[in-house]
Every structure is written in C-alpha cells, then in structure tokens.
Protein backbone atom coordinates (compact mmCIF):
# COMPACT_ATOMS: atom_id res chain seq x y z
CA MET A 1 -0.18 -0.14 0.01
CA LEU A 2 1.33 3.46 -0.87
CA PRO A 3 2.05 6.01 1.74
CA ILE A 4 -0.37 9.03 1.86
CA LEU A 5 2.00 12.29 0.89
CA SER A 6 1.13 16.03 1.42
CA MET A 7 2.04 19.05 0.23
CA ARG A 8 0.90 22.70 1.56
CA THR A 9 -1.76 24.14 -0.72
CA ALA A 10 -2.85 27.29 -1.54
CA TYR A 11 -6.29 27.76 -3.03
CA PHE A 12 -7.13 31.58 -4.27
CA ASP A 13 -10.67 31.73 -4.71
CA CYS A 14 -11.16 34.84 -7.02
CA ILE A 15 -15.03 35.73 -5.27
CA ALA A 16 -14.13 39.18 -6.57
CA GLY A 17 -11.31 38.83 -8.77
CA ALA A 18 -7.81 39.35 -7.36
CA SER A 19 -5.94 42.68 -6.94
CA GLY A 20 -2.27 42.97 -5.28
CA ASP A 21 -3.56 44.52 -2.27
CA MET A 22 -5.98 42.05 -1.99
CA MET A 23 -3.67 39.23 -2.64
CA LEU A 24 -1.60 40.52 0.38
CA GLY A 25 -4.47 40.97 2.64
CA ALA A 26 -5.71 37.33 1.81
CA ILE A 27 -1.85 36.45 2.98
CA VAL A 28 -1.91 38.41 6.15
CA ASP A 29 -5.36 37.33 7.11
CA ALA A 30 -5.03 33.36 6.47
CA GLY A 31 -1.94 33.28 8.90
CA LEU A 32 1.48 35.73 8.16
CA PRO A 33 1.84 38.30 10.88
CA ALA A 34 2.01 41.66 9.07
CA PRO A 35 5.49 42.19 11.29
CA GLU A 36 6.47 39.30 8.84
CA LEU A 37 5.41 40.30 6.07
CA GLU A 38 6.37 43.98 6.40
CA ALA A 39 10.22 42.34 7.42
CA GLU A 40 9.96 40.45 3.84
CA LEU A 41 9.28 44.02 2.07
CA SER A 42 11.96 46.01 3.94
CA LYS A 43 14.30 43.35 1.87
CA LEU A 44 13.65 46.03 -0.38
CA HIS A 45 15.46 48.32 0.57
CA LEU A 46 13.02 51.00 -0.53
CA LYS A 47 12.63 53.85 1.67
CA ASP A 48 9.71 55.28 -0.21
CA PHE A 49 6.63 53.53 1.07
CA HIS A 50 5.26 51.98 4.11
CA LEU A 51 2.10 49.63 4.91
CA HIS A 52 -1.42 50.34 6.60
CA ILE A 53 -2.94 47.14 7.43
CA ASN A 54 -6.53 47.23 9.12
CA ARG A 55 -9.55 44.67 9.39
CA VAL A 56 -12.68 46.19 7.44
CA SER A 57 -16.27 44.78 6.46
CA LYS A 58 -16.81 44.00 3.08
CA ASN A 59 -20.92 42.93 2.56
CA ALA A 60 -20.65 41.77 6.18
CA PHE A 61 -17.24 39.94 5.45
CA SER A 62 -14.24 40.47 7.69
CA ALA A 63 -11.78 40.92 5.41
CA VAL A 64 -7.77 42.61 6.01
CA LYS A 65 -7.00 45.44 3.68
CA VAL A 66 -3.46 46.09 2.95
CA ASP A 67 -2.64 49.99 1.53
CA VAL A 68 0.39 50.39 0.12
CA HIS A 69 1.16 54.40 0.96
CA VAL A 70 3.90 55.66 -1.47
CA HIS A 71 5.89 58.99 -0.71
CA ASP A 72 5.04 61.67 -3.46
CA ASP A 73 8.55 61.97 -4.42
CA ALA A 74 8.62 57.70 -5.28
CA PRO A 75 9.82 57.71 -8.92
CA GLU A 76 8.25 55.89 -11.64
CA ARG A 77 10.15 53.27 -13.30
CA HIS A 78 10.76 51.42 -16.66
CA LEU A 79 11.50 47.61 -16.61
CA ALA A 80 15.32 48.11 -16.20
CA ASP A 81 14.67 50.55 -13.10
CA ILE A 82 12.41 47.36 -11.48
CA SER A 83 14.60 44.62 -12.31
CA ARG A 84 17.14 46.47 -11.14
CA VAL A 85 15.34 47.19 -7.73
CA VAL A 86 14.17 43.39 -7.01
CA GLU A 87 18.31 42.21 -8.13
CA ASP A 88 19.74 44.68 -5.79
CA SER A 89 16.89 43.11 -2.81
CA SER A 90 17.73 40.74 0.20
CA LEU A 91 14.96 38.79 -1.03
CA SER A 92 15.16 34.77 -1.85
CA ASP A 93 16.53 34.26 -5.30
CA ARG A 94 13.61 32.31 -6.10
CA VAL A 95 11.12 35.48 -5.15
CA LYS A 96 13.81 37.71 -7.21
CA ALA A 97 13.61 35.48 -10.63
CA THR A 98 9.88 35.16 -10.22
CA ALA A 99 9.54 38.07 -9.64
CA ILE A 100 11.41 39.64 -13.02
CA ARG A 101 9.53 37.07 -14.81
CA ILE A 102 5.93 38.52 -13.35
CA PHE A 103 7.32 42.39 -14.91
CA THR A 104 8.67 41.25 -17.95
CA ARG A 105 5.27 39.59 -19.04
CA ILE A 106 3.42 42.87 -18.01
CA CYS A 107 6.08 44.50 -20.01
CA GLU A 108 5.68 42.31 -22.81
CA ALA A 109 1.74 42.91 -22.79
CA GLU A 110 1.80 46.59 -22.29
CA ALA A 111 4.24 46.69 -25.34
CA ALA A 112 2.02 44.58 -27.75
CA ILE A 113 -0.82 46.32 -26.76
CA HIS A 114 0.55 49.75 -27.60
CA ASP A 115 2.92 48.88 -30.29
CA SER A 116 5.67 49.52 -28.43
CA THR A 117 9.03 47.40 -27.22
CA VAL A 118 9.84 46.20 -23.56
CA ASP A 119 12.45 48.29 -22.93
CA LYS A 120 10.59 51.82 -24.26
CA VAL A 121 7.54 50.89 -22.27
CA HIS A 122 6.61 52.86 -19.35
CA LEU A 123 4.92 51.42 -16.95
CA HIS A 124 2.01 53.43 -15.27
CA GLU A 125 -0.21 51.65 -13.09
CA VAL A 126 1.95 48.78 -12.32
CA GLY A 127 5.49 50.46 -12.67
CA GLY A 128 5.30 52.46 -9.13
CA VAL A 129 6.36 51.37 -5.80
CA ASP A 130 2.85 50.02 -5.13
CA ALA A 131 2.99 47.81 -7.90
CA ILE A 132 6.53 46.17 -6.79
CA VAL A 133 5.51 45.99 -3.18
CA ASP A 134 2.21 44.35 -4.30
CA VAL A 135 4.09 41.84 -6.35
CA CYS A 136 7.16 41.19 -4.33
CA GLY A 137 5.13 40.75 -1.07
CA ALA A 138 2.70 37.92 -2.58
CA LEU A 139 5.64 35.88 -3.86
CA ALA A 140 7.78 36.71 -0.16
CA GLY A 141 4.20 35.85 1.51
CA LEU A 142 3.49 32.38 -0.36
CA GLU A 143 7.22 31.21 0.52
CA ALA A 144 7.19 32.32 4.07
CA LEU A 145 3.91 30.24 4.45
CA GLY A 146 5.39 27.31 3.31
CA ILE A 147 3.09 26.97 0.29
CA GLU A 148 4.24 24.09 -2.52
CA GLN A 149 1.66 23.97 -4.78
CA VAL A 150 -0.65 26.82 -5.87
CA GLN A 151 -4.31 26.62 -7.42
CA VAL A 152 -6.46 29.05 -8.58
CA SER A 153 -10.07 29.86 -9.61
CA PRO A 154 -11.17 30.94 -12.75
CA PHE A 155 -10.66 34.50 -13.30
CA PRO A 156 -14.34 36.63 -13.34
CA LEU A 157 -14.12 39.50 -15.78
CA GLY A 158 -16.00 42.38 -15.23
CA ARG A 159 -17.55 45.31 -17.53
CA GLY A 160 -17.32 48.77 -17.84
CA PHE A 161 -14.88 51.39 -18.31
CA VAL A 162 -11.59 52.81 -15.87
CA THR A 163 -9.63 55.61 -16.22
CA GLY A 164 -5.82 55.03 -16.82
CA ALA A 165 -2.95 56.84 -17.90
CA HIS A 166 -4.03 56.73 -21.83
CA GLY A 167 -7.49 57.87 -20.98
CA GLN A 168 -10.54 55.72 -20.78
CA ILE A 169 -9.63 52.15 -20.77
CA PRO A 170 -12.45 49.31 -21.62
CA LEU A 171 -12.72 46.45 -19.33
CA PRO A 172 -11.48 43.79 -18.84
CA ALA A 173 -8.52 46.10 -19.34
CA PRO A 174 -6.14 44.66 -22.35
CA ALA A 175 -3.29 44.42 -20.11
CA ALA A 176 -4.86 42.16 -17.44
CA LEU A 177 -6.51 40.28 -20.59
CA SER A 178 -3.39 39.39 -22.65
CA LEU A 179 -1.68 38.14 -18.83
CA MET A 180 -4.80 35.32 -17.93
CA LYS A 181 -4.25 33.73 -21.84
CA GLY A 182 -3.99 30.21 -21.01
CA CYS A 183 -5.95 30.44 -17.86
CA PRO A 184 -9.82 30.02 -17.38
CA VAL A 185 -12.05 32.93 -17.19
CA ALA A 186 -15.63 33.36 -17.06
CA GLY A 187 -17.86 36.57 -17.65
CA SER A 188 -19.39 38.59 -14.67
CA SER A 189 -22.04 41.26 -14.82
CA ILE A 190 -20.45 43.31 -12.28
CA ASP A 191 -19.69 46.52 -14.03
CA ALA A 192 -16.03 46.99 -12.27
CA GLU A 193 -12.29 45.67 -12.48
CA LEU A 194 -12.91 42.77 -11.18
CA VAL A 195 -8.90 41.25 -12.13
CA THR A 196 -6.15 43.75 -11.88
CA PRO A 197 -3.01 43.55 -14.52
CA THR A 198 -1.16 42.91 -11.68
CA GLY A 199 -3.21 39.80 -10.38
CA ALA A 200 -3.81 38.31 -13.14
CA ALA A 201 0.37 38.49 -13.85
CA VAL A 202 0.90 36.81 -10.51
CA LEU A 203 -1.65 34.53 -10.11
CA SER A 204 -1.06 33.43 -13.81
CA GLU A 205 2.80 32.90 -12.76
CA VAL A 206 2.31 30.92 -9.15
CA ALA A 207 -0.75 28.74 -10.83
CA ASP A 208 0.26 25.23 -10.66
CA GLY A 209 -3.37 24.69 -11.89
CA PHE A 210 -6.61 26.03 -12.22
CA GLY A 211 -10.33 24.75 -11.11
CA PRO A 212 -12.28 23.91 -8.34
CA ILE A 213 -11.10 23.60 -4.76
CA PRO A 214 -8.52 20.55 -4.39
CA ALA A 215 -8.65 18.27 -1.57
CA MET A 216 -7.43 18.79 1.52
CA ASN A 217 -7.19 18.81 4.99
CA LEU A 218 -8.14 22.36 5.61
CA GLU A 219 -5.77 24.48 7.69
CA SER A 220 -6.72 27.94 7.41
CA ILE A 221 -9.38 30.84 5.59
CA GLY A 222 -8.08 34.79 4.51
CA TYR A 223 -9.86 37.47 3.34
CA GLY A 224 -8.45 39.86 1.34
CA ALA A 225 -10.62 43.25 0.24
CA GLY A 226 -10.61 45.10 -2.45
CA SER A 227 -10.97 49.03 -2.49
CA ASN A 228 -14.17 49.45 -3.92
CA ASP A 229 -17.71 48.62 -2.39
CA LEU A 230 -19.65 46.36 -4.66
CA GLU A 231 -22.88 44.40 -5.02
CA ILE A 232 -21.15 41.24 -4.02
CA PRO A 233 -18.24 41.11 -1.08
CA ASN A 234 -15.21 42.37 -2.54
CA VAL A 235 -12.84 39.78 -1.49
CA LEU A 236 -10.19 37.10 -2.57
CA ARG A 237 -10.35 34.38 -0.34
CA LEU A 238 -7.33 31.89 0.41
CA ILE A 239 -7.57 28.88 1.53
CA LEU A 240 -4.91 27.05 2.87
CA GLY A 241 -4.21 23.27 3.58
CA GLU A 242 -2.43 20.08 3.36
CA SER A 243 -3.62 18.12 -0.35
CA ALA A 244 -2.97 14.41 -0.06
CA GLY A 245 -3.27 11.50 -2.46
CA THR A 246 -1.88 8.23 -2.13
CA SER A 247 -0.31 8.02 -5.91
CA GLY A 248 2.65 9.82 -4.28
CA LEU A 249 2.77 12.16 -7.35
CA LEU A 250 1.96 15.55 -8.59
CA THR A 251 0.19 15.86 -11.93
CA GLU A 252 0.04 19.12 -13.85
CA THR A 253 -1.21 20.63 -16.89
CA LEU A 254 1.92 21.70 -19.19
CA VAL A 255 2.62 23.05 -22.76
CA GLN A 256 5.22 21.52 -24.83
CA LEU A 257 6.53 23.86 -27.94
CA GLU A 258 8.69 21.81 -30.81
CA THR A 259 10.48 22.78 -33.66
CA ASN A 260 12.63 21.15 -35.88
CA LEU A 261 15.93 23.26 -37.03
CA ASP A 262 18.12 22.10 -40.06
CA ASP A 263 20.42 25.27 -40.71
CA GLU A 264 21.40 26.81 -37.25
CA SER A 265 24.65 26.42 -36.10
CA PRO A 266 25.04 24.62 -32.65
CA GLU A 267 26.20 27.99 -30.92
CA LEU A 268 23.24 29.65 -31.62
CA VAL A 269 20.78 26.38 -30.59
CA GLY A 270 22.84 26.45 -27.39
CA TYR A 271 22.31 30.37 -27.07
CA LEU A 272 18.19 30.04 -27.71
CA ALA A 273 18.21 26.85 -25.12
CA GLY A 274 20.09 29.22 -22.35
CA LYS A 275 17.15 32.24 -23.30
CA LEU A 276 14.54 30.29 -23.17
CA MET A 277 15.41 29.08 -19.91
CA GLU A 278 15.65 32.62 -18.51
CA ALA A 279 12.31 33.28 -20.05
CA GLY A 280 10.51 30.56 -17.92
CA ALA A 281 10.62 27.27 -19.63
CA LEU A 282 10.91 24.81 -17.03
CA ASP A 283 13.10 22.41 -19.63
CA VAL A 284 14.53 22.62 -23.08
CA SER A 285 15.53 19.60 -24.87
CA VAL A 286 17.78 19.20 -28.10
CA VAL A 287 17.57 16.06 -30.01
CA PRO A 288 19.75 15.16 -32.87
CA ALA A 289 17.02 14.34 -35.94
CA GLN A 290 17.37 13.57 -39.63
CA MET A 291 15.49 15.70 -41.53
CA LYS A 292 14.12 16.11 -44.94
CA LYS A 293 16.81 15.21 -48.10
CA GLY A 294 19.20 14.10 -45.26
CA ARG A 295 20.21 16.63 -43.86
CA PRO A 296 20.88 16.27 -40.24
CA GLY A 297 19.19 19.02 -37.84
CA VAL A 298 17.64 19.30 -34.15
CA LEU A 299 14.27 18.88 -32.67
CA LEU A 300 14.11 21.63 -30.30
CA GLN A 301 11.45 20.56 -27.52
CA VAL A 302 10.20 23.13 -24.83
CA LEU A 303 8.36 22.25 -21.66
CA ALA A 304 6.49 25.43 -20.06
CA LYS A 305 3.12 26.41 -17.89
CA PRO A 306 0.67 27.68 -20.00
CA PRO A 307 0.76 31.47 -19.46
CA HIS A 308 4.49 31.17 -20.75
CA ALA A 309 3.87 29.47 -24.23
CA ASP A 310 3.11 32.26 -26.07
CA SER A 311 6.14 34.79 -24.85
CA LEU A 312 8.30 31.39 -25.48
CA SER A 313 6.86 30.42 -28.80
CA HIS A 314 7.33 34.32 -29.61
CA LEU A 315 10.96 33.86 -28.53
CA LEU A 316 11.90 30.71 -30.94
CA PHE A 317 10.66 32.81 -33.85
CA HIS A 318 12.87 35.44 -33.43
CA GLU A 319 15.98 33.84 -32.24
CA SER A 320 15.85 30.86 -34.29
CA SER A 321 15.12 30.08 -38.42
CA THR A 322 12.32 28.08 -37.22
CA LEU A 323 9.31 28.78 -39.67
CA GLY A 324 6.44 26.80 -37.46
CA VAL A 325 6.08 25.76 -34.00
CA ARG A 326 4.10 23.02 -32.90
CA ARG A 327 2.22 23.19 -29.03
CA ARG A 328 0.22 20.91 -27.14
CA GLU A 329 -0.82 19.94 -23.61
CA VAL A 330 0.49 17.32 -21.62
CA GLN A 331 0.33 15.92 -18.32
CA ARG A 332 3.28 15.68 -16.29
CA ASP A 333 3.63 13.41 -13.09
CA SER A 334 6.42 14.25 -10.60
CA LEU A 335 7.83 13.64 -7.79
CA PRO A 336 7.21 16.02 -4.81
CA ARG A 337 10.46 17.46 -3.78
CA ARG A 338 11.77 20.23 -1.81
CA SER A 339 15.38 22.06 -2.40
CA GLU A 340 17.93 22.08 1.62
CA ALA A 341 21.35 23.29 2.04
CA VAL A 342 23.93 21.00 4.24
CA ASP A 343 26.87 22.27 5.98
CA THR A 344 29.32 20.44 4.87
CA LYS A 345 33.51 20.36 5.49
CA TYR A 346 33.15 21.46 1.67
CA GLY A 347 31.12 24.78 2.83
CA ARG A 348 27.47 24.55 2.29
CA ILE A 349 25.70 22.65 -0.39
CA ARG A 350 21.89 22.30 -1.54
CA VAL A 351 20.77 19.54 -1.97
CA LYS A 352 17.51 18.33 -3.73
CA ILE A 353 15.47 15.78 -2.17
CA ALA A 354 12.73 13.97 -4.16
CA SER A 355 10.09 11.99 -2.26
CA LEU A 356 9.48 8.38 -4.11
CA PRO A 357 6.01 6.82 -3.79
CA GLY A 358 7.44 3.80 -1.67
CA GLY A 359 8.75 6.12 1.15
CA GLN A 360 12.09 6.55 0.20
CA SER A 361 13.64 9.87 -0.60
CA ARG A 362 16.47 10.27 -3.21
CA VAL A 363 18.88 12.83 -2.35
CA THR A 364 20.74 14.82 -5.18
CA PRO A 365 23.62 17.44 -4.83
CA GLU A 366 23.40 20.10 -6.84
CA TYR A 367 25.80 20.06 -9.42
CA GLU A 368 27.33 23.41 -9.40
CA ASP A 369 27.61 23.93 -5.36
CA CYS A 370 29.70 20.53 -5.90
CA ARG A 371 31.40 21.77 -8.89
CA GLN A 372 32.56 24.86 -7.14
CA ALA A 373 33.36 23.01 -4.23
CA ALA A 374 35.53 20.60 -5.90
CA GLU A 375 37.60 23.44 -7.52
CA GLU A 376 37.82 25.24 -4.44
CA HIS A 377 39.32 22.16 -2.17
CA GLY A 378 40.87 20.48 -5.27
CA THR A 379 38.83 16.92 -4.51
CA PRO A 380 37.25 15.04 -7.35
CA LEU A 381 33.80 15.74 -7.93
CA ARG A 382 32.90 12.53 -7.73
CA ASP A 383 34.09 12.52 -3.67
CA ILE A 384 31.83 15.96 -3.26
CA TYR A 385 29.11 14.31 -4.76
CA HIS A 386 29.28 11.08 -2.11
CA HIS A 387 30.40 13.09 1.19
CA VAL A 388 27.37 15.58 0.89
CA GLU A 389 24.58 12.65 -0.09
CA HIS A 390 26.10 11.12 3.03
CA GLU A 391 25.69 14.36 5.36
CA ALA A 392 22.60 15.25 3.97
CA ALA A 393 21.18 11.72 4.91
CA HIS A 394 22.26 11.51 8.26
CA ALA A 395 21.24 15.74 9.05
CA LEU A 396 17.77 15.68 7.58
CA HIS A 397 16.96 11.96 8.72
CA LEU A 398 15.49 10.93 5.50
CA PRO A 399 14.04 7.47 4.97
CA HIS A 400 16.26 4.88 3.07
CA SER A 401 18.02 8.11 1.40
CA HIS A 402 19.71 7.14 -1.67
CA ALA A 403 21.17 9.04 -5.25
CA PRO A 404 20.58 7.30 -8.39
CA GLY A 405 23.99 7.20 -10.94
CA HIS A 406 26.23 7.42 -7.83
CA SER A 407 27.98 4.28 -5.91
CA HIS A 408 28.04 3.79 -2.53
CA SER A 409 30.47 0.64 -2.55
CA SER A 410 33.10 2.51 -0.72
CA ASP A 411 32.41 3.18 2.97
CA HIS A 412 33.48 7.20 3.59
CA SER A 413 34.64 7.79 7.25
CA HIS A 414 34.14 11.15 8.61
CA THR A 415 35.25 12.43 12.33
CA GLN A 416 33.68 15.54 12.08
CA ASP A 417 30.06 16.19 13.74
CA HIS A 418 27.26 16.25 11.07
CA GLY A 419 26.58 18.71 9.24
CA HIS A 420 23.17 21.04 9.61
CA SER A 421 20.22 21.70 7.35
CA HIS A 422 18.46 25.00 6.19
CA PRO A 423 15.56 24.96 4.37
CA GLU A 424 15.78 26.43 0.95
CA LYS A 425 13.09 27.29 -1.99
CA GLU A 426 13.87 25.63 -5.48
CA GLN A 427 12.63 26.28 -8.60
CA ASP A 428 10.32 24.33 -10.78
CA PRO A 429 10.85 21.31 -11.40
CA GLU A 430 12.85 20.16 -15.01
C-alpha cells in the first residue's frame, strides 16, 4: 500500500477577482503575521513607502485590507529600473526570479497593446512602488507560509470602463486580459474592474493549476479586501491546507513547444536554449534528428507552464530560423520535492530531496555547488557528491536515502560532526 504524501497547498478563490492589495490582505488573514510581511518587504531596501494594514467589512464579510502608501517623491520606473530594484534586494533568489518574470510579462503585454517595445514601455499603474511591493510581497508571503502548490479558481471578468494613464480603458483591461492567456476565465455581470494586471500576472505565474477547490485537510482561511464596494463581497479568499493523495505524484498540465531546425549553428542553438530557460521554460531539450533531404538537424523541445507558452513561442521565432512551432498540452507526473542546504566540510551545499511513492527519499546534490567545491578544494567531483549525499542523509534524517547514478560501494568515514540543514526554496522541477 502506497503511503499518503501531502503538500502545503494554497487555493486562491477569486470571488470578486484579484489585485495586489487583495492578495496581500488574504495572505495576512490566512496566517502570515503582519510584522513578518513588513520584514520581508524591508528587504527591497525602498524608503518611499509604508504599509497600512487594518480589518474592514465587505458586505458583512470581515477581511484584511493592505494599503501601500507611496511617498509623493517616489519615482515611476521602467522594466530595467524595476529589475534593478529586485536584483539589489535581499529577497530569496526564487522570489527575485519570479518577480522579474512577472514584470517582464507585464511589459510584453503592454508593449504589444501600445505597439512598442519592452525596453521603451513606461509602466504607469504597475510601474510604481506600490506594484513592486504588491508583487514581491505576495511572492515572499507565499514562500514564508511554506506553500508548495498553488491552485486558482477561474478569473471572473467584469465590464465597463476605468480611467488610466491613457484615458478610458475598456474592461477587462487589455493588459490583464493578455496576461490571462492560457487561464480559465468567466464573464461577470458586475460593472467594475475585478482582475487587475498585477493580480492576473502574479496568479497566472504562480498557479500550478486552475479549477475547483482541491482536496485537502483544511488549515486556515483568509480574506483580502479590495478597495471598491460592490454588490457582492469584494474579497479574494485564500484557503490553505495539506493536500494528500496515495499516488505520491504531482500531476499538472503543461504545454510542450517544439520545432525542427536544420540550418542553425550549434552555438546559436545553445544560446537559444539558455534564453528559453531565462524566459521561464521549465525544460529545454535538443535532440539530434534526420531532416528532409537527408539533412542532419535538431528537434528543439520546450516544456512550459501555459501562461508562458506564447512568449516562449515568440522567442523561438525571433531567435531561430524556424518557420513554425508546434504546441500541445501534456500531463506531467512528478515527485514531490524540496530543496535544503547542508553544511559540510566543503562548505554549504544545496541538495534536492525527492519523495518516492514507496516512502524512500532520493537525494541529489546541486551540481554547481559541488563543482565549485571541487575546484576550491582540489577534490574529485565524485568524492564531493558522495560526501554531500552521506551528510544530507544523516543531517536530514531521511528514510532509506539514496541517489541514483552514484556508487556507494566505498564506506567513507568522517570524524567531524554531521552538518546542519537549512531549508531552501527551489525552482520548478525540470
């Protein structure tokens, strides 16, 4: 009988849509202490804002309202400025990378709408300090809550008009609508903006799936309040719990893009693979193939979350000689995993720990950390791997830990104390 494995799951129930302040309020109401949120946001090193957090009532529903008060002299920023703020912060690497992807997608959407380029787009409503705080606060808050999986309800779309930097904007706002590509949406009779570009960008980026509330052991519920008073409670509901299943596998729907290249140099293919990973691809494969007329070539395959499929497809057209890109939805089963950092005699080394259906754990040291340690200490890379696997198994108390591909026939003795582990967040599994 397979064991029951669990994942800490967050479900965003978009009762009246989603916006940056609603996400922050829901995260605080669901259990993240306000001082902890403020501590995370202090890592941005921005001096031109402060938070005002209080409890309000929306149609008799108690909810938390988070307002980002920006000082009058706070500058508006372009993408390069925003990226610099994020990179220079003390937030985790995962939060930084995700935040930059989110703002890049917003810029791409705005550039397409205004027939401009990403580097020239001036992000008005989403380029200010409040948007940086909303995006980074939501990501850091989810990380602080230990969320391993995010599910989201379909986005409700209101109608009407709002006033923006360019005048009257029809709802749903074009930028928000573009950012929801690949996500389920449903029209609403409410004449108001329900899903803002910030809300659409963040939730479409972090979502592992969309649909009804997933099966879980319910732990806490949070309500984040929006600014307007509507005929329905203007709240975003966040449901937290432990999702469980007997398969021991995580199943998600992804998009696979692929194209055949028979006239591209190897250097350009390698460069393109790197650019695709930077742009949000989960995995990139280059497979040798025999093309028409006997030409040697490659099959380039890209695995991505649905919201990233369009931008990655555009990148393929811009950075390669392809004339066509195939796409299809695929189901991926993957092992639950987490990342830890272990103190060893070679320094602090990160490891991935995957939970197998049978209850065992698989430890895989991070190559880059091990490579750096091998070069610094003049030790064979294989020995570094063996030592880190041994230390991780003891420090983390893993059941029947093993790492495929590395021999354990030799018994290494250690005279020093076993290392201590430090939890780390990891990027999406490859």
